[in-house]
Amino acid sequence: MLPLNTPSPSSTWAPYPFLIATIVGPMAVDFGAARGPFGLYGEKGGWNLTHLPTGALIGVAPSIDAAMDAANGIEGIWDWSTFGRPDAVTWDVIVLTLHSYGVTRPTDRPAWKPVLAVAA
């Protein structure tokens, strides 16, 4: 499988169109922002934090500032430039860190399924 998106070349949050993985396949986000391997876009009353290489939803923050802070908080925990998913122990640390920034994992949407697995 190939990555869904390339990481943003910007070292600061900047406008950047990208694709997200959904249960019906990839969908475009035209009004998002990105920095490195993370993408952000507002939807359904929150800010979605996305892993750009896979298009996977990492979590939903209550504000854009909380989403940016959470991305900064999890950045050093795992190599986010990879096309894959963290192992279970690393994922637990990531989820705890996300929660400390108010980022939740929605139960009504699939999260962290690479686009080809979702579309299959």
PDB file of N, CA and C in Angstrom:
ATOM      1  N   MET A   1       0.832  -1.177   0.000  1.00  0.00           N
ATOM      2  CA  MET A   1       0.000   0.000   0.000  1.00  0.00           C
ATOM      3  C   MET A   1       0.879   1.243   0.000  1.00  0.00           C
ATOM      4  N   LEU A   2       0.399   2.256  -0.683  1.00  0.00           N
ATOM      5  CA  LEU A   2       1.087   3.534  -0.713  1.00  0.00           C
ATOM      6  C   LEU A   2       0.437   4.487   0.277  1.00  0.00           C
ATOM      7  N   PRO A   3       1.201   5.446   0.791  1.00  0.00           N
ATOM      8  CA  PRO A   3       0.595   6.445   1.681  1.00  0.00           C
ATOM      9  C   PRO A   3      -0.531   7.204   0.982  1.00  0.00           C
ATOM     10  N   LEU A   4      -1.520   7.606   1.742  1.00  0.00           N
ATOM     11  CA  LEU A   4      -2.646   8.360   1.203  1.00  0.00           C
ATOM     12  C   LEU A   4      -2.254   9.815   0.935  1.00  0.00           C
ATOM     13  N   ASN A   5      -1.412  10.376   1.802  1.00  0.00           N
ATOM     14  CA  ASN A   5      -0.945  11.752   1.677  1.00  0.00           C
ATOM     15  C   ASN A   5       0.552  11.795   1.955  1.00  0.00           C
ATOM     16  N   THR A   6       1.181  12.831   1.495  1.00  0.00           N
ATOM     17  CA  THR A   6       2.559  13.079   1.897  1.00  0.00           C
ATOM     18  C   THR A   6       2.525  14.063   3.058  1.00  0.00           C
ATOM     19  N   PRO A   7       3.479  13.955   3.971  1.00  0.00           N
ATOM     20  CA  PRO A   7       3.521  14.933   5.062  1.00  0.00           C
ATOM     21  C   PRO A   7       3.678  16.349   4.506  1.00  0.00           C
ATOM     22  N   SER A   8       3.155  17.287   5.244  1.00  0.00           N
ATOM     23  CA  SER A   8       3.287  18.688   4.862  1.00  0.00           C
ATOM     24  C   SER A   8       4.745  19.112   5.024  1.00  0.00           C
ATOM     25  N   PRO A   9       5.281  19.864   4.068  1.00  0.00           N
ATOM     26  CA  PRO A   9       6.650  20.334   4.206  1.00  0.00           C
ATOM     27  C   PRO A   9       6.784  21.489   5.191  1.00  0.00           C
ATOM     28  N   SER A  10       5.651  22.028   5.654  1.00  0.00           N
ATOM     29  CA  SER A  10       5.682  23.189   6.536  1.00  0.00           C
ATOM     30  C   SER A  10       6.031  22.799   7.967  1.00  0.00           C
ATOM     31  N   SER A  11       6.844  23.631   8.613  1.00  0.00           N
ATOM     32  CA  SER A  11       7.183  23.410  10.021  1.00  0.00           C
ATOM     33  C   SER A  11       6.208  24.147  10.938  1.00  0.00           C
ATOM     34  N   THR A  12       5.273  24.888  10.359  1.00  0.00           N
ATOM     35  CA  THR A  12       4.207  25.540  11.122  1.00  0.00           C
ATOM     36  C   THR A  12       2.878  25.142  10.482  1.00  0.00           C
ATOM     37  N   TRP A  13       1.788  25.303  11.217  1.00  0.00           N
ATOM     38  CA  TRP A  13       0.473  24.957  10.687  1.00  0.00           C
ATOM     39  C   TRP A  13       0.141  25.884   9.532  1.00  0.00           C
ATOM     40  N   ALA A  14      -0.200  25.305   8.397  1.00  0.00           N
ATOM     41  CA  ALA A  14      -0.487  26.074   7.190  1.00  0.00           C
ATOM     42  C   ALA A  14      -1.576  25.367   6.387  1.00  0.00           C
ATOM     43  N   PRO A  15      -2.325  26.110   5.569  1.00  0.00           N
ATOM     44  CA  PRO A  15      -3.342  25.468   4.713  1.00  0.00           C
ATOM     45  C   PRO A  15      -2.708  24.357   3.878  1.00  0.00           C
ATOM     46  N   TYR A  16      -3.427  23.229   3.790  1.00  0.00           N
ATOM     47  CA  TYR A  16      -2.881  22.072   3.087  1.00  0.00           C
ATOM     48  C   TYR A  16      -4.026  21.115   2.784  1.00  0.00           C
ATOM     49  N   PRO A  17      -4.376  20.930   1.524  1.00  0.00           N
ATOM     50  CA  PRO A  17      -5.432  19.968   1.200  1.00  0.00           C
ATOM     51  C   PRO A  17      -4.927  18.529   1.383  1.00  0.00           C
ATOM     52  N   PHE A  18      -5.774  17.668   1.913  1.00  0.00           N
ATOM     53  CA  PHE A  18      -5.379  16.273   2.115  1.00  0.00           C
ATOM     54  C   PHE A  18      -6.600  15.370   2.060  1.00  0.00           C
ATOM     55  N   LEU A  19      -6.357  14.072   2.042  1.00  0.00           N
ATOM     56  CA  LEU A  19      -7.413  13.071   2.023  1.00  0.00           C
ATOM     57  C   LEU A  19      -7.522  12.422   3.396  1.00  0.00           C
ATOM     58  N   ILE A  20      -8.756  12.067   3.770  1.00  0.00           N
ATOM     59  CA  ILE A  20      -8.981  11.315   4.997  1.00  0.00           C
ATOM     60  C   ILE A  20      -9.556   9.949   4.633  1.00  0.00           C
ATOM     61  N   ALA A  21      -9.304   8.968   5.472  1.00  0.00           N
ATOM     62  CA  ALA A  21      -9.860   7.630   5.278  1.00  0.00           C
ATOM     63  C   ALA A  21     -11.251   7.585   5.910  1.00  0.00           C
ATOM     64  N   THR A  22     -12.232   7.128   5.146  1.00  0.00           N
ATOM     65  CA  THR A  22     -13.594   6.979   5.665  1.00  0.00           C
ATOM     66  C   THR A  22     -14.089   5.574   5.328  1.00  0.00           C
ATOM     67  N   ILE A  23     -15.253   5.230   5.833  1.00  0.00           N
ATOM     68  CA  ILE A  23     -15.787   3.896   5.566  1.00  0.00           C
ATOM     69  C   ILE A  23     -16.176   3.710   4.111  1.00  0.00           C
ATOM     70  N   VAL A  24     -16.299   4.804   3.370  1.00  0.00           N
ATOM     71  CA  VAL A  24     -16.636   4.703   1.948  1.00  0.00           C
ATOM     72  C   VAL A  24     -15.438   4.969   1.044  1.00  0.00           C
ATOM     73  N   GLY A  25     -14.272   5.143   1.619  1.00  0.00           N
ATOM     74  CA  GLY A  25     -13.068   5.415   0.847  1.00  0.00           C
ATOM     75  C   GLY A  25     -12.517   6.789   1.147  1.00  0.00           C
ATOM     76  N   PRO A  26     -11.489   7.204   0.425  1.00  0.00           N
ATOM     77  CA  PRO A  26     -10.860   8.504   0.688  1.00  0.00           C
ATOM     78  C   PRO A  26     -11.797   9.668   0.385  1.00  0.00           C
ATOM     79  N   MET A  27     -11.735  10.696   1.235  1.00  0.00           N
ATOM     80  CA  MET A  27     -12.490  11.924   1.015  1.00  0.00           C
ATOM     81  C   MET A  27     -11.547  13.104   1.151  1.00  0.00           C
ATOM     82  N   ALA A  28     -11.750  14.102   0.306  1.00  0.00           N
ATOM     83  CA  ALA A  28     -10.889  15.290   0.299  1.00  0.00           C
ATOM     84  C   ALA A  28     -11.259  16.254   1.415  1.00  0.00           C
ATOM     85  N   VAL A  29     -10.236  16.834   2.025  1.00  0.00           N
ATOM     86  CA  VAL A  29     -10.385  17.933   2.970  1.00  0.00           C
ATOM     87  C   VAL A  29      -9.730  19.139   2.301  1.00  0.00           C
ATOM     88  N   ASP A  30     -10.550  20.048   1.824  1.00  0.00           N
ATOM     89  CA  ASP A  30     -10.033  21.192   1.085  1.00  0.00           C
ATOM     90  C   ASP A  30      -9.648  22.360   1.984  1.00  0.00           C
ATOM     91  N   PHE A  31     -10.228  22.432   3.163  1.00  0.00           N
ATOM     92  CA  PHE A  31      -9.980  23.566   4.047  1.00  0.00           C
ATOM     93  C   PHE A  31      -9.303  23.120   5.331  1.00  0.00           C
ATOM     94  N   GLY A  32      -8.303  22.283   5.200  1.00  0.00           N
ATOM     95  CA  GLY A  32      -7.554  21.809   6.350  1.00  0.00           C
ATOM     96  C   GLY A  32      -6.232  22.531   6.483  1.00  0.00           C
ATOM     97  N   ALA A  33      -5.577  22.262   7.583  1.00  0.00           N
ATOM     98  CA  ALA A  33      -4.226  22.768   7.831  1.00  0.00           C
ATOM     99  C   ALA A  33      -3.364  21.577   8.203  1.00  0.00           C
ATOM    100  N   ALA A  34      -2.086  21.689   7.960  1.00  0.00           N
ATOM    101  CA  ALA A  34      -1.186  20.583   8.275  1.00  0.00           C
ATOM    102  C   ALA A  34       0.174  21.113   8.694  1.00  0.00           C
ATOM    103  N   ARG A  35       0.858  20.256   9.441  1.00  0.00           N
ATOM    104  CA  ARG A  35       2.241  20.477   9.835  1.00  0.00           C
ATOM    105  C   ARG A  35       2.875  19.109   9.930  1.00  0.00           C
ATOM    106  N   GLY A  36       3.869  18.865   9.100  1.00  0.00           N
ATOM    107  CA  GLY A  36       4.515  17.556   9.114  1.00  0.00           C
ATOM    108  C   GLY A  36       3.513  16.454   8.825  1.00  0.00           C
ATOM    109  N   PRO A  37       3.462  15.407   9.668  1.00  0.00           N
ATOM    110  CA  PRO A  37       2.577  14.269   9.404  1.00  0.00           C
ATOM    111  C   PRO A  37       1.151  14.420   9.936  1.00  0.00           C
ATOM    112  N   PHE A  38       0.809  15.613  10.448  1.00  0.00           N
ATOM    113  CA  PHE A  38      -0.507  15.816  11.057  1.00  0.00           C
ATOM    114  C   PHE A  38      -1.358  16.777  10.246  1.00  0.00           C
ATOM    115  N   GLY A  39      -2.637  16.453  10.120  1.00  0.00           N
ATOM    116  CA  GLY A  39      -3.598  17.331   9.479  1.00  0.00           C
ATOM    117  C   GLY A  39      -4.708  17.675  10.453  1.00  0.00           C
ATOM    118  N   LEU A  40      -5.306  18.860  10.289  1.00  0.00           N
ATOM    119  CA  LEU A  40      -6.418  19.317  11.132  1.00  0.00           C
ATOM    120  C   LEU A  40      -7.541  19.831  10.248  1.00  0.00           C
ATOM    121  N   TYR A  41      -8.767  19.552  10.647  1.00  0.00           N
ATOM    122  CA  TYR A  41      -9.917  20.167   9.993  1.00  0.00           C
ATOM    123  C   TYR A  41     -11.089  20.140  10.955  1.00  0.00           C
ATOM    124  N   GLY A  42     -11.925  21.169  10.862  1.00  0.00           N
ATOM    125  CA  GLY A  42     -13.091  21.271  11.735  1.00  0.00           C
ATOM    126  C   GLY A  42     -14.289  20.565  11.148  1.00  0.00           C
ATOM    127  N   GLU A  43     -15.007  19.843  12.017  1.00  0.00           N
ATOM    128  CA  GLU A  43     -16.199  19.109  11.590  1.00  0.00           C
ATOM    129  C   GLU A  43     -16.948  18.605  12.814  1.00  0.00           C
ATOM    130  N   LYS A  44     -18.266  18.581  12.730  1.00  0.00           N
ATOM    131  CA  LYS A  44     -19.111  18.007  13.783  1.00  0.00           C
ATOM    132  C   LYS A  44     -18.789  18.562  15.172  1.00  0.00           C
ATOM    133  N   GLY A  45     -18.577  19.850  15.264  1.00  0.00           N
ATOM    134  CA  GLY A  45     -18.371  20.477  16.557  1.00  0.00           C
ATOM    135  C   GLY A  45     -17.013  20.247  17.188  1.00  0.00           C
ATOM    136  N   GLY A  46     -16.048  19.797  16.419  1.00  0.00           N
ATOM    137  CA  GLY A  46     -14.705  19.586  16.956  1.00  0.00           C
ATOM    138  C   GLY A  46     -13.662  19.699  15.873  1.00  0.00           C
ATOM    139  N   TRP A  47     -12.425  19.544  16.264  1.00  0.00           N
ATOM    140  CA  TRP A  47     -11.301  19.606  15.329  1.00  0.00           C
ATOM    141  C   TRP A  47     -10.684  18.231  15.220  1.00  0.00           C
ATOM    142  N   ASN A  48     -10.710  17.680  14.016  1.00  0.00           N
ATOM    143  CA  ASN A  48     -10.193  16.347  13.757  1.00  0.00           C
ATOM    144  C   ASN A  48      -8.683  16.394  13.548  1.00  0.00           C
ATOM    145  N   LEU A  49      -7.978  15.564  14.285  1.00  0.00           N
ATOM    146  CA  LEU A  49      -6.531  15.415  14.146  1.00  0.00           C
ATOM    147  C   LEU A  49      -6.303  14.139  13.341  1.00  0.00           C
ATOM    148  N   THR A  50      -5.625  14.286  12.202  1.00  0.00           N
ATOM    149  CA  THR A  50      -5.464  13.204  11.243  1.00  0.00           C
ATOM    150  C   THR A  50      -4.001  12.857  11.042  1.00  0.00           C
ATOM    151  N   HIS A  51      -3.717  11.571  10.876  1.00  0.00           N
ATOM    152  CA  HIS A  51      -2.387  11.099  10.501  1.00  0.00           C
ATOM    153  C   HIS A  51      -2.342  11.134   8.977  1.00  0.00           C
ATOM    154  N   LEU A  52      -1.559  12.056   8.413  1.00  0.00           N
ATOM    155  CA  LEU A  52      -1.571  12.253   6.965  1.00  0.00           C
ATOM    156  C   LEU A  52      -1.175  11.023   6.146  1.00  0.00           C
ATOM    157  N   PRO A  53      -0.095  10.300   6.482  1.00  0.00           N
ATOM    158  CA  PRO A  53       0.257   9.166   5.619  1.00  0.00           C
ATOM    159  C   PRO A  53      -0.868   8.151   5.423  1.00  0.00           C
ATOM    160  N   THR A  54      -1.661   7.883   6.459  1.00  0.00           N
ATOM    161  CA  THR A  54      -2.741   6.905   6.335  1.00  0.00           C
ATOM    162  C   THR A  54      -4.114   7.541   6.144  1.00  0.00           C
ATOM    163  N   GLY A  55      -4.237   8.834   6.444  1.00  0.00           N
ATOM    164  CA  GLY A  55      -5.542   9.484   6.414  1.00  0.00           C
ATOM    165  C   GLY A  55      -6.397   9.107   7.598  1.00  0.00           C
ATOM    166  N   ALA A  56      -5.805   8.447   8.595  1.00  0.00           N
ATOM    167  CA  ALA A  56      -6.546   7.934   9.748  1.00  0.00           C
ATOM    168  C   ALA A  56      -6.852   9.034  10.755  1.00  0.00           C
ATOM    169  N   LEU A  57      -8.038   8.945  11.344  1.00  0.00           N
ATOM    170  CA  LEU A  57      -8.428   9.841  12.420  1.00  0.00           C
ATOM    171  C   LEU A  57      -7.660   9.449  13.679  1.00  0.00           C
ATOM    172  N   ILE A  58      -6.943  10.407  14.243  1.00  0.00           N
ATOM    173  CA  ILE A  58      -6.246  10.173  15.511  1.00  0.00           C
ATOM    174  C   ILE A  58      -7.176  10.489  16.665  1.00  0.00           C
ATOM    175  N   GLY A  59      -7.909  11.583  16.565  1.00  0.00           N
ATOM    176  CA  GLY A  59      -8.846  11.966  17.611  1.00  0.00           C
ATOM    177  C   GLY A  59      -9.496  13.295  17.294  1.00  0.00           C
ATOM    178  N   VAL A  60     -10.457  13.701  18.150  1.00  0.00           N
ATOM    179  CA  VAL A  60     -11.200  14.940  17.964  1.00  0.00           C
ATOM    180  C   VAL A  60     -10.977  15.827  19.173  1.00  0.00           C
ATOM    181  N   ALA A  61     -10.551  17.065  18.909  1.00  0.00           N
ATOM    182  CA  ALA A  61     -10.261  18.042  19.962  1.00  0.00           C
ATOM    183  C   ALA A  61     -11.396  19.067  20.050  1.00  0.00           C
ATOM    184  N   PRO A  62     -11.577  19.664  21.225  1.00  0.00           N
ATOM    185  CA  PRO A  62     -12.647  20.645  21.381  1.00  0.00           C
ATOM    186  C   PRO A  62     -12.350  21.991  20.711  1.00  0.00           C
ATOM    187  N   SER A  63     -11.084  22.260  20.412  1.00  0.00           N
ATOM    188  CA  SER A  63     -10.703  23.523  19.776  1.00  0.00           C
ATOM    189  C   SER A  63      -9.489  23.290  18.882  1.00  0.00           C
ATOM    190  N   ILE A  64      -9.241  24.232  17.997  1.00  0.00           N
ATOM    191  CA  ILE A  64      -8.075  24.107  17.128  1.00  0.00           C
ATOM    192  C   ILE A  64      -6.791  24.191  17.956  1.00  0.00           C
ATOM    193  N   ASP A  65      -6.786  25.018  18.991  1.00  0.00           N
ATOM    194  CA  ASP A  65      -5.598  25.115  19.845  1.00  0.00           C
ATOM    195  C   ASP A  65      -5.314  23.795  20.559  1.00  0.00           C
ATOM    196  N   ALA A  66      -6.365  23.140  21.055  1.00  0.00           N
ATOM    197  CA  ALA A  66      -6.184  21.847  21.723  1.00  0.00           C
ATOM    198  C   ALA A  66      -5.666  20.806  20.737  1.00  0.00           C
ATOM    199  N   ALA A  67      -6.152  20.841  19.493  1.00  0.00           N
ATOM    200  CA  ALA A  67      -5.678  19.894  18.484  1.00  0.00           C
ATOM    201  C   ALA A  67      -4.206  20.116  18.167  1.00  0.00           C
ATOM    202  N   MET A  68      -3.806  21.381  18.029  1.00  0.00           N
ATOM    203  CA  MET A  68      -2.396  21.680  17.755  1.00  0.00           C
ATOM    204  C   MET A  68      -1.509  21.282  18.932  1.00  0.00           C
ATOM    205  N   ASP A  69      -1.969  21.579  20.145  1.00  0.00           N
ATOM    206  CA  ASP A  69      -1.199  21.201  21.336  1.00  0.00           C
ATOM    207  C   ASP A  69      -1.074  19.677  21.450  1.00  0.00           C
ATOM    208  N   ALA A  70      -2.150  18.962  21.138  1.00  0.00           N
ATOM    209  CA  ALA A  70      -2.110  17.498  21.194  1.00  0.00           C
ATOM    210  C   ALA A  70      -1.120  16.943  20.172  1.00  0.00           C
ATOM    211  N   ALA A  71      -1.122  17.503  18.963  1.00  0.00           N
ATOM    212  CA  ALA A  71      -0.157  17.065  17.946  1.00  0.00           C
ATOM    213  C   ALA A  71       1.270  17.279  18.446  1.00  0.00           C
ATOM    214  N   ASN A  72       1.523  18.424  19.064  1.00  0.00           N
ATOM    215  CA  ASN A  72       2.849  18.674  19.638  1.00  0.00           C
ATOM    216  C   ASN A  72       3.166  17.661  20.734  1.00  0.00           C
ATOM    217  N   GLY A  73       2.156  17.321  21.542  1.00  0.00           N
ATOM    218  CA  GLY A  73       2.357  16.395  22.655  1.00  0.00           C
ATOM    219  C   GLY A  73       2.655  14.971  22.238  1.00  0.00           C
ATOM    220  N   ILE A  74       2.082  14.529  21.121  1.00  0.00           N
ATOM    221  CA  ILE A  74       2.290  13.134  20.694  1.00  0.00           C
ATOM    222  C   ILE A  74       3.407  12.986  19.674  1.00  0.00           C
ATOM    223  N   GLU A  75       3.912  14.090  19.180  1.00  0.00           N
ATOM    224  CA  GLU A  75       4.873  14.054  18.081  1.00  0.00           C
ATOM    225  C   GLU A  75       6.092  13.173  18.353  1.00  0.00           C
ATOM    226  N   GLY A  76       6.647  13.227  19.549  1.00  0.00           N
ATOM    227  CA  GLY A  76       7.859  12.474  19.849  1.00  0.00           C
ATOM    228  C   GLY A  76       7.636  11.050  20.336  1.00  0.00           C
ATOM    229  N   ILE A  77       6.380  10.622  20.444  1.00  0.00           N
ATOM    230  CA  ILE A  77       6.081   9.297  20.981  1.00  0.00           C
ATOM    231  C   ILE A  77       6.298   8.186  19.957  1.00  0.00           C
ATOM    232  N   TRP A  78       6.104   8.507  18.674  1.00  0.00           N
ATOM    233  CA  TRP A  78       6.161   7.495  17.616  1.00  0.00           C
ATOM    234  C   TRP A  78       6.663   8.151  16.343  1.00  0.00           C
ATOM    235  N   ASP A  79       7.131   7.378  15.398  1.00  0.00           N
ATOM    236  CA  ASP A  79       7.557   7.908  14.104  1.00  0.00           C
ATOM    237  C   ASP A  79       6.325   8.069  13.220  1.00  0.00           C
ATOM    238  N   TRP A  80       5.735   9.245  13.234  1.00  0.00           N
ATOM    239  CA  TRP A  80       4.491   9.523  12.536  1.00  0.00           C
ATOM    240  C   TRP A  80       4.649   9.586  11.026  1.00  0.00           C
ATOM    241  N   SER A  81       5.869   9.614  10.545  1.00  0.00           N
ATOM    242  CA  SER A  81       6.073   9.670   9.091  1.00  0.00           C
ATOM    243  C   SER A  81       5.841   8.311   8.438  1.00  0.00           C
ATOM    244  N   THR A  82       5.681   7.264   9.234  1.00  0.00           N
ATOM    245  CA  THR A  82       5.514   5.921   8.685  1.00  0.00           C
ATOM    246  C   THR A  82       4.067   5.667   8.267  1.00  0.00           C
ATOM    247  N   PHE A  83       3.908   4.725   7.357  1.00  0.00           N
ATOM    248  CA  PHE A  83       2.593   4.303   6.911  1.00  0.00           C
ATOM    249  C   PHE A  83       2.268   3.029   7.676  1.00  0.00           C
ATOM    250  N   GLY A  84       1.626   3.182   8.793  1.00  0.00           N
ATOM    251  CA  GLY A  84       1.308   2.039   9.632  1.00  0.00           C
ATOM    252  C   GLY A  84       0.600   2.514  10.869  1.00  0.00           C
ATOM    253  N   ARG A  85       0.557   1.666  11.868  1.00  0.00           N
ATOM    254  CA  ARG A  85      -0.097   1.983  13.125  1.00  0.00           C
ATOM    255  C   ARG A  85       0.849   1.655  14.270  1.00  0.00           C
ATOM    256  N   PRO A  86       0.863   2.480  15.321  1.00  0.00           N
ATOM    257  CA  PRO A  86       1.721   2.179  16.476  1.00  0.00           C
ATOM    258  C   PRO A  86       1.327   0.849  17.123  1.00  0.00           C
ATOM    259  N   ASP A  87       2.301   0.197  17.777  1.00  0.00           N
ATOM    260  CA  ASP A  87       1.985  -1.028  18.509  1.00  0.00           C
ATOM    261  C   ASP A  87       1.079  -0.687  19.698  1.00  0.00           C
ATOM    262  N   ALA A  88       0.503  -1.696  20.325  1.00  0.00           N
ATOM    263  CA  ALA A  88      -0.503  -1.501  21.367  1.00  0.00           C
ATOM    264  C   ALA A  88       0.000  -0.675  22.545  1.00  0.00           C
ATOM    265  N   VAL A  89       1.209  -0.932  23.008  1.00  0.00           N
ATOM    266  CA  VAL A  89       1.749  -0.199  24.158  1.00  0.00           C
ATOM    267  C   VAL A  89       1.954   1.276  23.798  1.00  0.00           C
ATOM    268  N   THR A  90       2.537   1.521  22.632  1.00  0.00           N
ATOM    269  CA  THR A  90       2.748   2.898  22.188  1.00  0.00           C
ATOM    270  C   THR A  90       1.412   3.598  21.993  1.00  0.00           C
ATOM    271  N   TRP A  91       0.437   2.888  21.421  1.00  0.00           N
ATOM    272  CA  TRP A  91      -0.882   3.476  21.212  1.00  0.00           C
ATOM    273  C   TRP A  91      -1.514   3.881  22.537  1.00  0.00           C
ATOM    274  N   ASP A  92      -1.369   3.053  23.576  1.00  0.00           N
ATOM    275  CA  ASP A  92      -1.920   3.400  24.893  1.00  0.00           C
ATOM    276  C   ASP A  92      -1.317   4.701  25.415  1.00  0.00           C
ATOM    277  N   VAL A  93      -0.014   4.884  25.233  1.00  0.00           N
ATOM    278  CA  VAL A  93       0.650   6.119  25.663  1.00  0.00           C
ATOM    279  C   VAL A  93       0.117   7.302  24.855  1.00  0.00           C
ATOM    280  N   ILE A  94      -0.062   7.103  23.558  1.00  0.00           N
ATOM    281  CA  ILE A  94      -0.598   8.168  22.701  1.00  0.00           C
ATOM    282  C   ILE A  94      -1.999   8.563  23.153  1.00  0.00           C
ATOM    283  N   VAL A  95      -2.858   7.581  23.414  1.00  0.00           N
ATOM    284  CA  VAL A  95      -4.236   7.865  23.826  1.00  0.00           C
ATOM    285  C   VAL A  95      -4.257   8.613  25.156  1.00  0.00           C
ATOM    286  N   LEU A  96      -3.431   8.213  26.110  1.00  0.00           N
ATOM    287  CA  LEU A  96      -3.363   8.926  27.393  1.00  0.00           C
ATOM    288  C   LEU A  96      -2.902  10.367  27.191  1.00  0.00           C
ATOM    289  N   THR A  97      -1.938  10.555  26.326  1.00  0.00           N
ATOM    290  CA  THR A  97      -1.450  11.901  26.035  1.00  0.00           C
ATOM    291  C   THR A  97      -2.545  12.728  25.366  1.00  0.00           C
ATOM    292  N   LEU A  98      -3.242  12.142  24.401  1.00  0.00           N
ATOM    293  CA  LEU A  98      -4.341  12.847  23.739  1.00  0.00           C
ATOM    294  C   LEU A  98      -5.396  13.283  24.750  1.00  0.00           C
ATOM    295  N   HIS A  99      -5.761  12.386  25.653  1.00  0.00           N
ATOM    296  CA  HIS A  99      -6.773  12.712  26.668  1.00  0.00           C
ATOM    297  C   HIS A  99      -6.342  13.877  27.536  1.00  0.00           C
ATOM    298  N   SER A 100      -5.041  13.997  27.792  1.00  0.00           N
ATOM    299  CA  SER A 100      -4.560  15.104  28.624  1.00  0.00           C
ATOM    300  C   SER A 100      -4.772  16.465  27.939  1.00  0.00           C
ATOM    301  N   TYR A 101      -4.980  16.461  26.638  1.00  0.00           N
ATOM    302  CA  TYR A 101      -5.265  17.680  25.871  1.00  0.00           C
ATOM    303  C   TYR A 101      -6.750  17.804  25.532  1.00  0.00           C
ATOM    304  N   GLY A 102      -7.577  16.919  26.071  1.00  0.00           N
ATOM    305  CA  GLY A 102      -9.010  16.965  25.804  1.00  0.00           C
ATOM    306  C   GLY A 102      -9.419  16.331  24.494  1.00  0.00           C
ATOM    307  N   VAL A 103      -8.515  15.574  23.875  1.00  0.00           N
ATOM    308  CA  VAL A 103      -8.807  14.915  22.608  1.00  0.00           C
ATOM    309  C   VAL A 103      -9.458  13.563  22.888  1.00  0.00           C
ATOM    310  N   THR A 104     -10.586  13.323  22.229  1.00  0.00           N
ATOM    311  CA  THR A 104     -11.333  12.078  22.427  1.00  0.00           C
ATOM    312  C   THR A 104     -11.280  11.212  21.175  1.00  0.00           C
ATOM    313  N   ARG A 105     -11.637   9.971  21.354  1.00  0.00           N
ATOM    314  CA  ARG A 105     -11.706   9.002  20.258  1.00  0.00           C
ATOM    315  C   ARG A 105     -13.182   8.702  20.025  1.00  0.00           C
ATOM    316  N   PRO A 106     -13.780   9.230  18.966  1.00  0.00           N
ATOM    317  CA  PRO A 106     -15.213   9.014  18.747  1.00  0.00           C
ATOM    318  C   PRO A 106     -15.528   7.545  18.502  1.00  0.00           C
ATOM    319  N   THR A 107     -16.638   7.106  19.072  1.00  0.00           N
ATOM    320  CA  THR A 107     -17.044   5.705  18.893  1.00  0.00           C
ATOM    321  C   THR A 107     -17.950   5.537  17.681  1.00  0.00           C
ATOM    322  N   ASP A 108     -18.440   6.648  17.117  1.00  0.00           N
ATOM    323  CA  ASP A 108     -19.351   6.548  15.979  1.00  0.00           C
ATOM    324  C   ASP A 108     -18.635   6.614  14.632  1.00  0.00           C
ATOM    325  N   ARG A 109     -17.312   6.691  14.643  1.00  0.00           N
ATOM    326  CA  ARG A 109     -16.548   6.724  13.390  1.00  0.00           C
ATOM    327  C   ARG A 109     -15.368   5.785  13.500  1.00  0.00           C
ATOM    328  N   PRO A 110     -15.060   5.096  12.429  1.00  0.00           N
ATOM    329  CA  PRO A 110     -13.884   4.224  12.474  1.00  0.00           C
ATOM    330  C   PRO A 110     -12.624   5.074  12.570  1.00  0.00           C
ATOM    331  N   ALA A 111     -11.664   4.586  13.296  1.00  0.00           N
ATOM    332  CA  ALA A 111     -10.406   5.318  13.434  1.00  0.00           C
ATOM    333  C   ALA A 111      -9.245   4.384  13.172  1.00  0.00           C
ATOM    334  N   TRP A 112      -8.263   4.937  12.587  1.00  0.00           N
ATOM    335  CA  TRP A 112      -7.005   4.278  12.291  1.00  0.00           C
ATOM    336  C   TRP A 112      -7.143   3.013  11.465  1.00  0.00           C
ATOM    337  N   LYS A 113      -7.821   3.129  10.363  1.00  0.00           N
ATOM    338  CA  LYS A 113      -7.871   2.038   9.388  1.00  0.00           C
ATOM    339  C   LYS A 113      -7.313   2.595   8.101  1.00  0.00           C
ATOM    340  N   PRO A 114      -6.184   2.096   7.636  1.00  0.00           N
ATOM    341  CA  PRO A 114      -5.666   2.591   6.366  1.00  0.00           C
ATOM    342  C   PRO A 114      -6.732   2.512   5.284  1.00  0.00           C
ATOM    343  N   VAL A 115      -6.693   3.447   4.375  1.00  0.00           N
ATOM    344  CA  VAL A 115      -7.768   3.641   3.407  1.00  0.00           C
ATOM    345  C   VAL A 115      -8.120   2.384   2.619  1.00  0.00           C
ATOM    346  N   LEU A 116      -7.164   1.581   2.241  1.00  0.00           N
ATOM    347  CA  LEU A 116      -7.486   0.390   1.459  1.00  0.00           C
ATOM    348  C   LEU A 116      -8.226  -0.642   2.298  1.00  0.00           C
ATOM    349  N   ALA A 117      -7.924  -0.721   3.580  1.00  0.00           N
ATOM    350  CA  ALA A 117      -8.643  -1.645   4.450  1.00  0.00           C
ATOM    351  C   ALA A 117     -10.077  -1.166   4.653  1.00  0.00           C
ATOM    352  N   VAL A 118     -10.268   0.141   4.723  1.00  0.00           N
ATOM    353  CA  VAL A 118     -11.601   0.689   4.918  1.00  0.00           C
ATOM    354  C   VAL A 118     -12.442   0.504   3.665  1.00  0.00           C
ATOM    355  N   ALA A 119     -11.848   0.762   2.509  1.00  0.00           N
ATOM    356  CA  ALA A 119     -12.605   0.705   1.262  1.00  0.00           C
ATOM    357  C   ALA A 119     -12.889  -0.729   0.802  1.00  0.00           C
ATOM    358  N   ALA A 120     -12.178  -1.703   1.338  1.00  0.00           N
ATOM    359  CA  ALA A 120     -12.337  -3.097   0.901  1.00  0.00           C
ATOM    360  C   ALA A 120     -13.630  -3.706   1.400  1.00  0.00           C
TER     361      ALA A 120
END
